[in-house]
Amino acid sequence: MRVAMYYSNDDIRVEEMEKPGIGGDEILVRVRACGICGSDVMEWYRIKTAPRVLGHEVAGEIVEVGEHVKSFETGQRVFVSHHVPCNTCKYCLSGHHSACETLRTTNLYPGGFSEYVRVPKINVDRGVFPIPENMSYEEAPFIEPLACVYRAQRQAGLKPGDNLLVVGSGVSGLLHVKLAKALGANTIVATDIREERLRKAEEFGAIPVNAMEDVPRAVKDILGCGGADIVFVCTGAGEAVKQALSSVDRGGTISFFAPPNPGVEVVVPIKDYWRDEVTITTSYAASPFEIKTAINLLESKRVTVADMITHRLPLEKTKEGFQLVANPRNSLKVIINP
């Protein structure tokens, strides 16, 4: 079978690899669509494990089922979660599934940017979800990123009527806008340095602010108070992080959805936050609960995503797709169709 082998963001080669065999407790999925995630192009994060086949937003069709698998059958359309928790460790039992070591070490083989993936036993048990009839293969890759966004908003304590700031209007930032609107947020301010993304943020219901402006002042002027109730940081740019830290209201929360870039030092005004009772939180990945919630949100059309897909590319153009995501101009979600 063909795979897109990642060596770096600028070096992705279509290579041949043996089609995976499966065991009695596993399934084989023919990949129909796999989204390129912003984390896929974080070269500092990915290159240390290269060469490898990336791709974790996988939607496809089951083509082989192990003899012991009773819950699935060939021909089913499924979304496959690459990371799954153990559900028994202290992290899982306390609700921190994404801190689970099992979640951090489970994966598909070889990765979604390939013609087929083998789904291991534990993923079959808790990481395979039927795609609803009204959801296309190209919409299904949004299940995983929307689940991650839902987890972040849940952990940040988002409530109907909250005023938000979304820092960075890439795919994750725009999903934050869409989901927050669906969950009853009041006013949402979204920032970015690219006008085309700000136009999308406005289209999806946010008030756009160019990140080159005085963002904290703009946020306070728009919201008419001391800042945002919740700030979601969806970019690792140092200046954006500084803006986020200065844009939160008293009693508010800052959620780091994206990590700062390597070498970026963040100075946190602890004295001010102590007095104002500001909470700083983080969010990583998603549990099966968030995956199921994301599927329900998409199936019910409370959150729509087809309008975020800008490019659909065959496997042999995966390198082009990575370049579109790493250096965005007029691109949002890029889908690879193996």
Foldseek 3Di string as FASTA:
>chain_A
DWFFWDQALQDTAIDDDDQDDAAQLKWKWFFFKFWDDLVNRLRVVPNVPPGAGETFLTWGFTQGHHNNDDPDDGGFTKTFGFFAAPCPDPCNVVPNRVVHPRRVPGGWPRYNLGRMIMHDNVRSVQTIDTADPVDDSHRSSVLFLLLQLVVLCVVQPDAAAFEEEEEDQAQSSLSNLLVSVLRHYDAYEYEDQAPLSQVVSVVSPYHYDYLVDLLQVVQCVVVVANAGQEYEYDDQDLSSLVSSLRHHAQNHEYEDADHHRPPRDDDHPVVVCVVRVYYYYYTDTHHSVSSVVSSVCDVVPSGDCPVQADEEEESRCVSVVSVCSNPPHNHHMYMYGD
